[in-house]
Amino acid sequence: MILYIIRHADPDYANNTITEFGWEEAHALADWLKDIHIDKIYTSPLGRAIDTAKPTLEIKGMTSEILPWTEESMDYMESHRLKPDSDCSYSFSVQKGVYDFKDFMPTERMKTVENMQKCSDEFLASLGYERDGAFYKITRNNDESIAVFCHGGFGVAWIAHLLNTAPGVLYPNISLNTSSVTTFEFRNADEGFVRPVLRRLGEINHIYKAGLRVNNR
């Protein structure tokens, strides 16, 4: 299975959509994706993700499904604001994955992060990949390509979870450009277990192809 995590185009936060430049990005993305096989498209419930997906849905003649748990939250985006005497520690094992995580942020945000992790595991289990410690047990081979239009902060948090990295450790080191595409591969391994492989991080070939400016917003 191939999983595409796509950040929304340039946002118009006030009007719950994307800007005029964002629409240029979205159309450039659709033109780039038109020849890439995608079986299912999902979006965050927020307008900027839904509208970014529209040109792709139109050009492919597809419909999308909303995933409420992919909604953006400030809890994913406060990675640089340390609390007094802050520290970060965690344990890792193949059997458990990441556990005993101590955040350097106020612990209130961990409810949001833990819900995302739970929903991610349930979503991937529905696609044939059941999380088992640091691996995913293959319950059925899946050759589909799945695209999820979502957000920058959420996207990085999800990427960290897929890579078995503790919350907050990877966040400060990755920034996803608007309309960028991150690609994971879940191989159908004979031994029955798989770890998702990060093939491309924050790809923006469609921006270069369309001659648009790179948007670091």
N, C-alpha and C. Protein backbone atom coordinates (compact mmCIF):
# COMPACT_ATOMS: atom_id res chain seq x y z
N MET A 1 0.84 -1.19 0.00
CA MET A 1 0.00 0.00 0.00
C MET A 1 0.88 1.24 0.00
N ILE A 2 0.42 2.25 -0.71
CA ILE A 2 1.07 3.54 -0.72
C ILE A 2 0.17 4.55 0.00
N LEU A 3 0.75 5.31 0.92
CA LEU A 3 0.02 6.33 1.65
C LEU A 3 0.63 7.70 1.33
N TYR A 4 -0.19 8.59 0.77
CA TYR A 4 0.23 9.96 0.50
C TYR A 4 -0.37 10.87 1.58
N ILE A 5 0.49 11.58 2.29
CA ILE A 5 0.05 12.59 3.26
C ILE A 5 0.29 13.95 2.63
N ILE A 6 -0.79 14.67 2.33
CA ILE A 6 -0.70 15.91 1.55
C ILE A 6 -1.12 17.10 2.40
N ARG A 7 -0.23 18.06 2.55
CA ARG A 7 -0.60 19.26 3.29
C ARG A 7 -1.46 20.16 2.39
N HIS A 8 -2.39 20.87 3.00
CA HIS A 8 -3.24 21.79 2.25
C HIS A 8 -2.41 22.90 1.59
N ALA A 9 -2.99 23.57 0.61
CA ALA A 9 -2.35 24.69 -0.08
C ALA A 9 -2.39 25.94 0.80
N ASP A 10 -1.84 27.04 0.28
CA ASP A 10 -1.73 28.28 1.04
C ASP A 10 -3.07 28.65 1.69
N PRO A 11 -3.11 28.75 3.02
CA PRO A 11 -4.40 28.86 3.72
C PRO A 11 -4.95 30.28 3.83
N ASP A 12 -6.24 30.37 3.75
CA ASP A 12 -6.99 31.57 4.12
C ASP A 12 -7.75 31.18 5.40
N TYR A 13 -7.06 31.32 6.52
CA TYR A 13 -7.62 30.83 7.78
C TYR A 13 -8.94 31.52 8.14
N ALA A 14 -9.00 32.83 7.88
CA ALA A 14 -10.17 33.61 8.29
C ALA A 14 -11.44 33.12 7.61
N ASN A 15 -11.31 32.65 6.37
CA ASN A 15 -12.48 32.23 5.60
C ASN A 15 -12.58 30.72 5.40
N ASN A 16 -11.76 29.98 6.15
CA ASN A 16 -11.83 28.52 6.14
C ASN A 16 -11.67 27.95 4.73
N THR A 17 -10.70 28.49 4.00
CA THR A 17 -10.46 28.02 2.63
C THR A 17 -8.97 28.23 2.30
N ILE A 18 -8.65 28.36 1.03
CA ILE A 18 -7.29 28.66 0.60
C ILE A 18 -7.27 29.96 -0.18
N THR A 19 -6.10 30.55 -0.26
CA THR A 19 -5.96 31.85 -0.93
C THR A 19 -5.95 31.66 -2.45
N GLU A 20 -5.94 32.78 -3.16
CA GLU A 20 -5.84 32.72 -4.62
C GLU A 20 -4.59 31.96 -5.05
N PHE A 21 -3.47 32.25 -4.36
CA PHE A 21 -2.24 31.50 -4.64
C PHE A 21 -2.41 30.03 -4.27
N GLY A 22 -3.15 29.79 -3.20
CA GLY A 22 -3.41 28.41 -2.80
C GLY A 22 -4.13 27.62 -3.87
N TRP A 23 -5.08 28.27 -4.54
CA TRP A 23 -5.77 27.60 -5.65
C TRP A 23 -4.81 27.28 -6.79
N GLU A 24 -3.83 28.15 -7.04
CA GLU A 24 -2.82 27.85 -8.05
C GLU A 24 -2.04 26.61 -7.64
N GLU A 25 -1.67 26.54 -6.37
CA GLU A 25 -0.97 25.36 -5.86
C GLU A 25 -1.83 24.11 -6.02
N ALA A 26 -3.09 24.22 -5.65
CA ALA A 26 -4.00 23.06 -5.70
C ALA A 26 -4.17 22.55 -7.12
N HIS A 27 -4.28 23.47 -8.09
CA HIS A 27 -4.42 23.05 -9.49
C HIS A 27 -3.11 22.45 -10.02
N ALA A 28 -1.97 23.00 -9.58
CA ALA A 28 -0.69 22.44 -9.98
C ALA A 28 -0.54 21.03 -9.41
N LEU A 29 -0.98 20.85 -8.18
CA LEU A 29 -0.92 19.54 -7.54
C LEU A 29 -1.81 18.54 -8.29
N ALA A 30 -3.00 18.97 -8.66
CA ALA A 30 -3.92 18.10 -9.39
C ALA A 30 -3.34 17.68 -10.73
N ASP A 31 -2.70 18.61 -11.41
CA ASP A 31 -2.08 18.31 -12.70
C ASP A 31 -0.97 17.28 -12.54
N TRP A 32 -0.24 17.38 -11.44
CA TRP A 32 0.85 16.44 -11.17
C TRP A 32 0.33 15.08 -10.77
N LEU A 33 -0.79 15.05 -10.02
CA LEU A 33 -1.35 13.79 -9.53
C LEU A 33 -2.22 13.06 -10.55
N LYS A 34 -2.57 13.74 -11.63
CA LYS A 34 -3.55 13.16 -12.57
C LYS A 34 -3.10 11.83 -13.15
N ASP A 35 -1.79 11.64 -13.30
CA ASP A 35 -1.27 10.40 -13.88
C ASP A 35 -0.75 9.44 -12.81
N ILE A 36 -0.93 9.79 -11.54
CA ILE A 36 -0.52 8.92 -10.44
C ILE A 36 -1.75 8.16 -9.94
N HIS A 37 -1.64 6.86 -9.88
CA HIS A 37 -2.79 6.04 -9.48
C HIS A 37 -3.13 6.26 -8.02
N ILE A 38 -4.37 6.62 -7.75
CA ILE A 38 -4.88 6.77 -6.39
C ILE A 38 -6.25 6.08 -6.32
N ASP A 39 -6.42 5.23 -5.33
CA ASP A 39 -7.67 4.49 -5.19
C ASP A 39 -8.68 5.20 -4.31
N LYS A 40 -8.22 5.83 -3.23
CA LYS A 40 -9.12 6.49 -2.29
C LYS A 40 -8.52 7.82 -1.85
N ILE A 41 -9.39 8.81 -1.69
CA ILE A 41 -8.95 10.12 -1.22
C ILE A 41 -9.74 10.50 0.02
N TYR A 42 -9.01 10.93 1.04
CA TYR A 42 -9.62 11.38 2.29
C TYR A 42 -9.18 12.81 2.55
N THR A 43 -10.00 13.54 3.32
CA THR A 43 -9.62 14.91 3.69
C THR A 43 -9.92 15.16 5.16
N SER A 44 -9.21 16.12 5.70
CA SER A 44 -9.56 16.70 6.99
C SER A 44 -10.93 17.37 6.86
N PRO A 45 -11.64 17.59 7.96
CA PRO A 45 -12.93 18.28 7.88
C PRO A 45 -12.82 19.79 7.67
N LEU A 46 -11.59 20.33 7.71
CA LEU A 46 -11.42 21.78 7.58
C LEU A 46 -11.38 22.21 6.11
N GLY A 47 -11.92 23.41 5.85
CA GLY A 47 -12.09 23.89 4.48
C GLY A 47 -10.82 23.96 3.67
N ARG A 48 -9.71 24.32 4.31
CA ARG A 48 -8.47 24.47 3.53
C ARG A 48 -7.97 23.12 2.99
N ALA A 49 -8.24 22.03 3.69
CA ALA A 49 -7.89 20.71 3.18
C ALA A 49 -8.90 20.23 2.13
N ILE A 50 -10.17 20.45 2.41
CA ILE A 50 -11.22 20.06 1.47
C ILE A 50 -11.05 20.78 0.14
N ASP A 51 -10.79 22.09 0.18
CA ASP A 51 -10.66 22.85 -1.06
C ASP A 51 -9.38 22.50 -1.81
N THR A 52 -8.32 22.19 -1.11
CA THR A 52 -7.08 21.77 -1.79
C THR A 52 -7.32 20.49 -2.58
N ALA A 53 -8.15 19.60 -2.05
CA ALA A 53 -8.41 18.33 -2.73
C ALA A 53 -9.33 18.47 -3.94
N LYS A 54 -10.12 19.53 -4.01
CA LYS A 54 -11.15 19.64 -5.05
C LYS A 54 -10.61 19.53 -6.47
N PRO A 55 -9.55 20.24 -6.85
CA PRO A 55 -9.06 20.09 -8.23
C PRO A 55 -8.61 18.67 -8.55
N THR A 56 -8.01 17.99 -7.57
CA THR A 56 -7.58 16.60 -7.79
C THR A 56 -8.79 15.69 -7.95
N LEU A 57 -9.80 15.87 -7.12
CA LEU A 57 -11.02 15.07 -7.23
C LEU A 57 -11.68 15.28 -8.58
N GLU A 58 -11.71 16.52 -9.02
CA GLU A 58 -12.35 16.86 -10.30
C GLU A 58 -11.60 16.23 -11.47
N ILE A 59 -10.28 16.35 -11.45
CA ILE A 59 -9.49 15.86 -12.59
C ILE A 59 -9.49 14.34 -12.65
N LYS A 60 -9.68 13.69 -11.49
CA LYS A 60 -9.70 12.25 -11.44
C LYS A 60 -11.12 11.67 -11.46
N GLY A 61 -12.12 12.52 -11.34
CA GLY A 61 -13.49 12.04 -11.31
C GLY A 61 -13.79 11.20 -10.09
N MET A 62 -13.23 11.61 -8.95
CA MET A 62 -13.39 10.84 -7.71
C MET A 62 -14.15 11.64 -6.67
N THR A 63 -14.57 10.97 -5.63
CA THR A 63 -15.14 11.62 -4.45
C THR A 63 -14.23 11.34 -3.26
N SER A 64 -14.41 12.11 -2.20
CA SER A 64 -13.56 11.94 -1.03
C SER A 64 -14.39 11.61 0.19
N GLU A 65 -13.70 11.16 1.22
CA GLU A 65 -14.32 10.88 2.51
C GLU A 65 -13.60 11.70 3.58
N ILE A 66 -14.35 12.26 4.51
CA ILE A 66 -13.76 13.08 5.57
C ILE A 66 -13.30 12.20 6.73
N LEU A 67 -12.08 12.47 7.20
CA LEU A 67 -11.55 11.82 8.39
C LEU A 67 -11.47 12.87 9.50
N PRO A 68 -12.42 12.90 10.42
CA PRO A 68 -12.44 13.94 11.46
C PRO A 68 -11.17 14.00 12.29
N TRP A 69 -10.51 12.88 12.52
CA TRP A 69 -9.33 12.86 13.40
C TRP A 69 -8.10 13.51 12.77
N THR A 70 -8.15 13.85 11.48
CA THR A 70 -7.01 14.51 10.83
C THR A 70 -7.08 16.03 10.92
N GLU A 71 -8.04 16.55 11.67
CA GLU A 71 -8.18 18.00 11.84
C GLU A 71 -6.94 18.58 12.55
N GLU A 72 -6.58 19.79 12.17
CA GLU A 72 -5.43 20.47 12.77
C GLU A 72 -5.71 20.87 14.21
N SER A 73 -4.66 20.95 15.00
CA SER A 73 -4.76 21.41 16.39
C SER A 73 -3.47 22.13 16.76
N MET A 74 -3.59 23.17 17.56
CA MET A 74 -2.40 23.87 18.06
C MET A 74 -1.54 22.94 18.92
N ASP A 75 -2.12 21.86 19.41
CA ASP A 75 -1.34 20.91 20.20
C ASP A 75 -0.21 20.29 19.40
N TYR A 76 -0.34 20.25 18.07
CA TYR A 76 0.73 19.72 17.23
C TYR A 76 1.77 20.78 16.88
N MET A 77 1.49 22.04 17.18
CA MET A 77 2.27 23.14 16.60
C MET A 77 3.02 23.98 17.63
N GLU A 78 3.10 23.53 18.86
CA GLU A 78 3.77 24.31 19.89
C GLU A 78 5.08 23.66 20.33
N SER A 79 5.76 23.06 19.39
CA SER A 79 6.92 22.24 19.73
C SER A 79 8.13 23.05 20.21
N HIS A 80 8.13 24.35 19.98
CA HIS A 80 9.30 25.15 20.36
C HIS A 80 9.13 25.86 21.69
N ARG A 81 7.96 25.79 22.28
CA ARG A 81 7.69 26.53 23.50
C ARG A 81 7.89 25.61 24.70
N LEU A 82 9.03 25.73 25.34
CA LEU A 82 9.36 24.84 26.42
C LEU A 82 8.81 25.34 27.75
N LYS A 83 8.38 24.43 28.59
CA LYS A 83 7.95 24.79 29.92
C LYS A 83 9.19 24.87 30.83
N PRO A 84 9.11 25.57 31.95
CA PRO A 84 10.26 25.66 32.86
C PRO A 84 10.77 24.28 33.25
N ASP A 85 12.11 24.15 33.29
CA ASP A 85 12.73 22.88 33.66
C ASP A 85 12.23 21.73 32.78
N SER A 86 11.99 22.03 31.51
CA SER A 86 11.45 21.03 30.60
C SER A 86 12.48 19.96 30.27
N ASP A 87 11.99 18.80 29.96
CA ASP A 87 12.84 17.68 29.58
C ASP A 87 12.03 16.77 28.68
N CYS A 88 12.71 15.87 28.02
CA CYS A 88 12.02 14.92 27.15
C CYS A 88 12.71 13.58 27.29
N SER A 89 11.93 12.57 27.60
CA SER A 89 12.49 11.23 27.71
C SER A 89 11.43 10.21 27.29
N TYR A 90 11.89 9.05 26.84
CA TYR A 90 10.96 8.00 26.45
C TYR A 90 11.73 6.68 26.37
N SER A 91 11.00 5.59 26.31
CA SER A 91 11.57 4.27 26.13
C SER A 91 11.08 3.70 24.80
N PHE A 92 11.83 2.77 24.26
CA PHE A 92 11.45 2.16 22.99
C PHE A 92 11.83 0.68 23.00
N SER A 93 10.94 -0.12 22.47
CA SER A 93 11.27 -1.53 22.26
C SER A 93 10.50 -2.02 21.04
N VAL A 94 10.99 -3.09 20.44
CA VAL A 94 10.30 -3.67 19.29
C VAL A 94 8.92 -4.17 19.69
N GLN A 95 8.80 -4.69 20.92
CA GLN A 95 7.53 -5.22 21.37
C GLN A 95 6.50 -4.14 21.65
N LYS A 96 6.95 -2.99 22.19
CA LYS A 96 6.03 -1.95 22.61
C LYS A 96 6.04 -0.71 21.71
N GLY A 97 7.10 -0.52 20.94
CA GLY A 97 7.26 0.75 20.24
C GLY A 97 7.70 1.81 21.24
N VAL A 98 7.22 3.04 21.07
CA VAL A 98 7.53 4.13 22.00
C VAL A 98 6.60 4.05 23.20
N TYR A 99 7.16 4.18 24.40
CA TYR A 99 6.33 4.17 25.60
C TYR A 99 7.01 4.98 26.71
N ASP A 100 6.28 5.23 27.77
CA ASP A 100 6.78 6.03 28.91
C ASP A 100 7.31 7.37 28.44
N PHE A 101 6.57 8.02 27.55
CA PHE A 101 7.03 9.30 27.00
C PHE A 101 6.78 10.44 28.00
N LYS A 102 7.81 11.23 28.22
CA LYS A 102 7.69 12.43 29.04
C LYS A 102 7.86 13.64 28.13
N ASP A 103 6.81 14.42 27.99
CA ASP A 103 6.82 15.55 27.06
C ASP A 103 7.52 16.75 27.67
N PHE A 104 8.07 17.61 26.82
CA PHE A 104 8.64 18.86 27.32
C PHE A 104 7.63 20.00 27.25
N MET A 105 6.41 19.66 26.84
CA MET A 105 5.32 20.62 26.80
C MET A 105 4.33 20.31 27.92
N PRO A 106 3.43 21.27 28.22
CA PRO A 106 2.37 20.94 29.18
C PRO A 106 1.65 19.68 28.75
N THR A 107 1.39 18.77 29.66
CA THR A 107 0.89 17.45 29.31
C THR A 107 -0.51 17.46 28.73
N GLU A 108 -1.21 18.60 28.79
CA GLU A 108 -2.58 18.66 28.26
C GLU A 108 -2.62 18.26 26.78
N ARG A 109 -1.57 18.59 26.04
CA ARG A 109 -1.62 18.29 24.61
C ARG A 109 -1.52 16.80 24.31
N MET A 110 -1.07 16.02 25.28
CA MET A 110 -0.89 14.60 25.02
C MET A 110 -2.20 13.89 24.74
N LYS A 111 -3.32 14.41 25.23
CA LYS A 111 -4.61 13.79 24.93
C LYS A 111 -4.89 13.86 23.43
N THR A 112 -4.56 15.01 22.83
CA THR A 112 -4.75 15.17 21.39
C THR A 112 -3.84 14.23 20.62
N VAL A 113 -2.58 14.19 21.01
CA VAL A 113 -1.59 13.34 20.33
C VAL A 113 -1.98 11.87 20.46
N GLU A 114 -2.36 11.45 21.65
CA GLU A 114 -2.71 10.05 21.87
C GLU A 114 -3.98 9.66 21.09
N ASN A 115 -4.92 10.59 20.96
CA ASN A 115 -6.11 10.31 20.16
C ASN A 115 -5.74 10.14 18.69
N MET A 116 -4.84 11.01 18.19
CA MET A 116 -4.38 10.87 16.81
C MET A 116 -3.74 9.52 16.60
N GLN A 117 -2.89 9.09 17.53
CA GLN A 117 -2.21 7.81 17.39
C GLN A 117 -3.22 6.66 17.39
N LYS A 118 -4.19 6.73 18.26
CA LYS A 118 -5.23 5.70 18.33
C LYS A 118 -6.02 5.63 17.03
N CYS A 119 -6.43 6.81 16.53
CA CYS A 119 -7.22 6.86 15.29
C CYS A 119 -6.39 6.42 14.09
N SER A 120 -5.11 6.78 14.07
CA SER A 120 -4.22 6.33 13.00
C SER A 120 -4.14 4.81 12.98
N ASP A 121 -3.97 4.23 14.16
CA ASP A 121 -3.86 2.77 14.24
C ASP A 121 -5.16 2.10 13.78
N GLU A 122 -6.30 2.68 14.15
CA GLU A 122 -7.59 2.12 13.73
C GLU A 122 -7.77 2.26 12.22
N PHE A 123 -7.38 3.40 11.67
CA PHE A 123 -7.50 3.64 10.23
C PHE A 123 -6.65 2.65 9.45
N LEU A 124 -5.39 2.48 9.86
CA LEU A 124 -4.51 1.56 9.14
C LEU A 124 -4.94 0.11 9.34
N ALA A 125 -5.50 -0.21 10.50
CA ALA A 125 -6.02 -1.56 10.71
C ALA A 125 -7.16 -1.86 9.74
N SER A 126 -7.98 -0.84 9.46
CA SER A 126 -9.09 -1.03 8.51
C SER A 126 -8.57 -1.26 7.09
N LEU A 127 -7.32 -0.87 6.85
CA LEU A 127 -6.71 -1.04 5.53
C LEU A 127 -5.84 -2.29 5.45
N GLY A 128 -5.76 -3.02 6.57
CA GLY A 128 -5.03 -4.28 6.55
C GLY A 128 -3.72 -4.29 7.31
N TYR A 129 -3.46 -3.23 8.09
CA TYR A 129 -2.19 -3.13 8.81
C TYR A 129 -2.46 -2.83 10.28
N GLU A 130 -2.34 -3.85 11.10
CA GLU A 130 -2.68 -3.76 12.52
C GLU A 130 -1.41 -3.51 13.34
N ARG A 131 -1.37 -2.40 14.05
CA ARG A 131 -0.16 -2.04 14.78
C ARG A 131 0.15 -3.06 15.87
N ASP A 132 1.43 -3.45 15.93
CA ASP A 132 1.89 -4.42 16.92
C ASP A 132 3.27 -3.98 17.37
N GLY A 133 3.32 -3.16 18.44
CA GLY A 133 4.59 -2.61 18.90
C GLY A 133 5.19 -1.68 17.88
N ALA A 134 6.41 -1.94 17.45
CA ALA A 134 7.08 -1.09 16.47
C ALA A 134 6.77 -1.48 15.03
N PHE A 135 5.95 -2.53 14.85
CA PHE A 135 5.63 -3.04 13.52
C PHE A 135 4.13 -2.98 13.27
N TYR A 136 3.75 -3.31 12.06
CA TYR A 136 2.34 -3.49 11.71
C TYR A 136 2.17 -4.93 11.22
N LYS A 137 1.21 -5.63 11.82
CA LYS A 137 0.88 -6.97 11.37
C LYS A 137 -0.01 -6.88 10.14
N ILE A 138 0.35 -7.58 9.09
CA ILE A 138 -0.43 -7.54 7.85
C ILE A 138 -1.59 -8.52 7.98
N THR A 139 -2.79 -7.99 8.04
CA THR A 139 -3.97 -8.85 8.14
C THR A 139 -4.56 -9.16 6.77
N ARG A 140 -4.23 -8.34 5.80
CA ARG A 140 -4.58 -8.62 4.40
C ARG A 140 -3.68 -7.79 3.51
N ASN A 141 -3.23 -8.37 2.42
CA ASN A 141 -2.40 -7.62 1.48
C ASN A 141 -3.22 -6.50 0.84
N ASN A 142 -2.64 -5.34 0.76
CA ASN A 142 -3.34 -4.17 0.23
C ASN A 142 -2.46 -3.49 -0.81
N ASP A 143 -2.91 -3.46 -2.04
CA ASP A 143 -2.15 -2.84 -3.12
C ASP A 143 -2.70 -1.47 -3.50
N GLU A 144 -3.53 -0.90 -2.65
CA GLU A 144 -4.14 0.39 -2.95
C GLU A 144 -3.17 1.54 -2.70
N SER A 145 -3.50 2.67 -3.32
CA SER A 145 -2.82 3.94 -3.05
C SER A 145 -3.84 4.87 -2.40
N ILE A 146 -3.50 5.40 -1.24
CA ILE A 146 -4.40 6.20 -0.42
C ILE A 146 -3.84 7.61 -0.28
N ALA A 147 -4.64 8.63 -0.51
CA ALA A 147 -4.22 10.02 -0.32
C ALA A 147 -5.05 10.66 0.78
N VAL A 148 -4.37 11.35 1.70
CA VAL A 148 -5.04 12.06 2.78
C VAL A 148 -4.60 13.52 2.74
N PHE A 149 -5.56 14.41 2.46
CA PHE A 149 -5.30 15.85 2.44
C PHE A 149 -5.52 16.38 3.86
N CYS A 150 -4.46 16.90 4.47
CA CYS A 150 -4.58 17.31 5.86
C CYS A 150 -3.78 18.59 6.13
N HIS A 151 -2.91 18.59 7.14
CA HIS A 151 -2.33 19.85 7.63
C HIS A 151 -0.85 19.70 7.99
N GLY A 152 -0.20 20.84 8.18
CA GLY A 152 1.23 20.85 8.48
C GLY A 152 1.57 20.29 9.84
N GLY A 153 0.96 20.83 10.88
CA GLY A 153 1.24 20.35 12.23
C GLY A 153 0.79 18.92 12.42
N PHE A 154 -0.44 18.64 12.02
CA PHE A 154 -0.95 17.28 12.12
C PHE A 154 -0.10 16.32 11.30
N GLY A 155 0.26 16.75 10.09
CA GLY A 155 1.03 15.88 9.20
C GLY A 155 2.34 15.46 9.81
N VAL A 156 3.06 16.40 10.43
CA VAL A 156 4.33 16.07 11.06
C VAL A 156 4.11 15.12 12.24
N ALA A 157 3.06 15.37 13.03
CA ALA A 157 2.76 14.49 14.16
C ALA A 157 2.46 13.08 13.67
N TRP A 158 1.71 12.96 12.59
CA TRP A 158 1.38 11.65 12.04
C TRP A 158 2.62 10.96 11.49
N ILE A 159 3.45 11.71 10.78
CA ILE A 159 4.70 11.16 10.25
C ILE A 159 5.56 10.62 11.39
N ALA A 160 5.64 11.37 12.49
CA ALA A 160 6.42 10.92 13.64
C ALA A 160 5.88 9.60 14.18
N HIS A 161 4.56 9.48 14.26
CA HIS A 161 3.96 8.25 14.76
C HIS A 161 4.26 7.08 13.82
N LEU A 162 4.16 7.29 12.52
CA LEU A 162 4.42 6.23 11.56
C LEU A 162 5.88 5.78 11.61
N LEU A 163 6.78 6.72 11.96
CA LEU A 163 8.20 6.40 12.04
C LEU A 163 8.61 5.91 13.42
N ASN A 164 7.64 5.71 14.32
CA ASN A 164 7.94 5.25 15.67
C ASN A 164 8.87 6.20 16.41
N THR A 165 8.64 7.49 16.21
CA THR A 165 9.39 8.51 16.92
C THR A 165 8.51 9.12 17.98
N ALA A 166 9.07 9.41 19.14
CA ALA A 166 8.29 9.94 20.25
C ALA A 166 7.69 11.30 19.89
N PRO A 167 6.47 11.57 20.35
CA PRO A 167 5.85 12.88 20.11
C PRO A 167 6.75 14.01 20.58
N GLY A 168 6.88 15.03 19.78
CA GLY A 168 7.67 16.19 20.17
C GLY A 168 9.13 16.10 19.79
N VAL A 169 9.65 14.89 19.54
CA VAL A 169 11.06 14.75 19.20
C VAL A 169 11.30 15.15 17.75
N LEU A 170 10.40 14.73 16.86
CA LEU A 170 10.57 15.01 15.44
C LEU A 170 9.96 16.35 15.04
N TYR A 171 8.96 16.81 15.78
CA TYR A 171 8.21 18.01 15.39
C TYR A 171 9.10 19.21 15.05
N PRO A 172 10.09 19.56 15.89
CA PRO A 172 10.86 20.78 15.60
C PRO A 172 11.76 20.68 14.38
N ASN A 173 11.94 19.47 13.85
CA ASN A 173 12.91 19.25 12.79
C ASN A 173 12.31 19.10 11.40
N ILE A 174 10.98 19.13 11.30
CA ILE A 174 10.32 18.99 10.00
C ILE A 174 9.31 20.12 9.82
N SER A 175 9.35 20.75 8.67
CA SER A 175 8.36 21.74 8.30
C SER A 175 7.86 21.40 6.89
N LEU A 176 6.57 21.18 6.75
CA LEU A 176 6.01 20.79 5.47
C LEU A 176 5.53 22.00 4.69
N ASN A 177 6.04 22.17 3.48
CA ASN A 177 5.57 23.26 2.62
C ASN A 177 4.09 23.06 2.28
N THR A 178 3.41 24.15 1.99
CA THR A 178 2.01 24.04 1.58
C THR A 178 1.92 23.21 0.30
N SER A 179 0.93 22.37 0.22
CA SER A 179 0.62 21.45 -0.88
C SER A 179 1.68 20.38 -1.10
N SER A 180 2.58 20.19 -0.14
CA SER A 180 3.62 19.17 -0.29
C SER A 180 3.05 17.77 -0.08
N VAL A 181 3.75 16.80 -0.66
CA VAL A 181 3.30 15.40 -0.63
C VAL A 181 4.36 14.54 0.04
N THR A 182 3.97 13.83 1.08
CA THR A 182 4.85 12.88 1.76
C THR A 182 4.35 11.47 1.47
N THR A 183 5.27 10.58 1.10
CA THR A 183 4.90 9.25 0.64
C THR A 183 5.47 8.15 1.53
N PHE A 184 4.58 7.28 2.03
CA PHE A 184 4.97 6.08 2.76
C PHE A 184 4.58 4.84 1.96
N GLU A 185 5.41 3.82 2.07
CA GLU A 185 5.11 2.52 1.46
C GLU A 185 4.96 1.47 2.56
N PHE A 186 3.85 0.73 2.50
CA PHE A 186 3.64 -0.44 3.35
C PHE A 186 3.80 -1.66 2.46
N ARG A 187 4.90 -2.36 2.59
CA ARG A 187 5.16 -3.51 1.73
C ARG A 187 4.36 -4.72 2.19
N ASN A 188 4.00 -5.57 1.24
CA ASN A 188 3.32 -6.82 1.55
C ASN A 188 4.39 -7.89 1.78
N ALA A 189 4.90 -7.95 3.01
CA ALA A 189 6.02 -8.83 3.33
C ALA A 189 5.54 -10.25 3.63
N ASP A 190 6.32 -11.24 3.18
CA ASP A 190 5.96 -12.65 3.36
C ASP A 190 5.92 -13.03 4.83
N GLU A 191 6.75 -12.40 5.65
CA GLU A 191 6.80 -12.76 7.07
C GLU A 191 5.60 -12.25 7.86
N GLY A 192 4.75 -11.42 7.22
CA GLY A 192 3.51 -11.01 7.86
C GLY A 192 3.57 -9.76 8.68
N PHE A 193 4.74 -9.10 8.75
CA PHE A 193 4.87 -7.85 9.48
C PHE A 193 5.60 -6.83 8.61
N VAL A 194 5.30 -5.56 8.84
CA VAL A 194 5.90 -4.51 8.02
C VAL A 194 6.09 -3.25 8.86
N ARG A 195 7.09 -2.47 8.52
CA ARG A 195 7.23 -1.12 9.06
C ARG A 195 7.12 -0.17 7.88
N PRO A 196 6.34 0.90 7.99
CA PRO A 196 6.18 1.82 6.86
C PRO A 196 7.50 2.49 6.50
N VAL A 197 7.78 2.52 5.21
CA VAL A 197 9.02 3.12 4.70
C VAL A 197 8.72 4.51 4.16
N LEU A 198 9.44 5.50 4.64
CA LEU A 198 9.28 6.87 4.14
C LEU A 198 10.03 7.01 2.83
N ARG A 199 9.28 7.11 1.73
CA ARG A 199 9.89 7.21 0.41
C ARG A 199 10.22 8.65 0.02
N ARG A 200 9.32 9.57 0.33
CA ARG A 200 9.55 10.98 0.01
C ARG A 200 8.94 11.83 1.11
N LEU A 201 9.65 12.88 1.48
CA LEU A 201 9.18 13.77 2.54
C LEU A 201 8.96 15.17 1.96
N GLY A 202 7.74 15.67 2.04
CA GLY A 202 7.45 17.04 1.63
C GLY A 202 7.79 17.35 0.18
N GLU A 203 7.44 16.45 -0.73
CA GLU A 203 7.76 16.63 -2.15
C GLU A 203 6.93 17.76 -2.76
N ILE A 204 7.59 18.63 -3.54
CA ILE A 204 6.90 19.76 -4.19
C ILE A 204 7.27 19.87 -5.67
N ASN A 205 7.42 18.73 -6.33
CA ASN A 205 7.75 18.75 -7.76
C ASN A 205 6.71 19.49 -8.58
N HIS A 206 5.45 19.43 -8.16
CA HIS A 206 4.39 20.12 -8.90
C HIS A 206 4.56 21.64 -8.86
N ILE A 207 5.14 22.14 -7.78
CA ILE A 207 5.40 23.58 -7.66
C ILE A 207 6.46 24.01 -8.66
N TYR A 208 7.54 23.22 -8.74
CA TYR A 208 8.60 23.54 -9.69
C TYR A 208 8.10 23.41 -11.13
N LYS A 209 7.32 22.37 -11.40
CA LYS A 209 6.81 22.14 -12.75
C LYS A 209 5.91 23.29 -13.20
N ALA A 210 5.11 23.84 -12.27
CA ALA A 210 4.19 24.92 -12.61
C ALA A 210 4.86 26.29 -12.57
N GLY A 211 6.11 26.34 -12.13
CA GLY A 211 6.80 27.62 -12.06
C GLY A 211 6.31 28.53 -10.95
N LEU A 212 5.74 27.93 -9.90
CA LEU A 212 5.25 28.71 -8.77
C LEU A 212 6.34 28.92 -7.74
N ARG A 213 6.17 29.89 -6.89
CA ARG A 213 7.13 30.12 -5.82
C ARG A 213 6.96 29.03 -4.75
N VAL A 214 8.05 28.70 -4.11
CA VAL A 214 8.01 27.75 -3.00
C VAL A 214 7.48 28.47 -1.77
N ASN A 215 6.42 27.92 -1.19
CA ASN A 215 5.74 28.58 -0.07
C ASN A 215 6.12 27.91 1.24
N ASN A 216 6.92 28.61 2.07
CA ASN A 216 7.36 28.05 3.34
C ASN A 216 6.42 28.40 4.48
N ARG A 217 5.28 28.95 4.17
CA ARG A 217 4.34 29.38 5.21
C ARG A 217 3.89 28.22 6.09
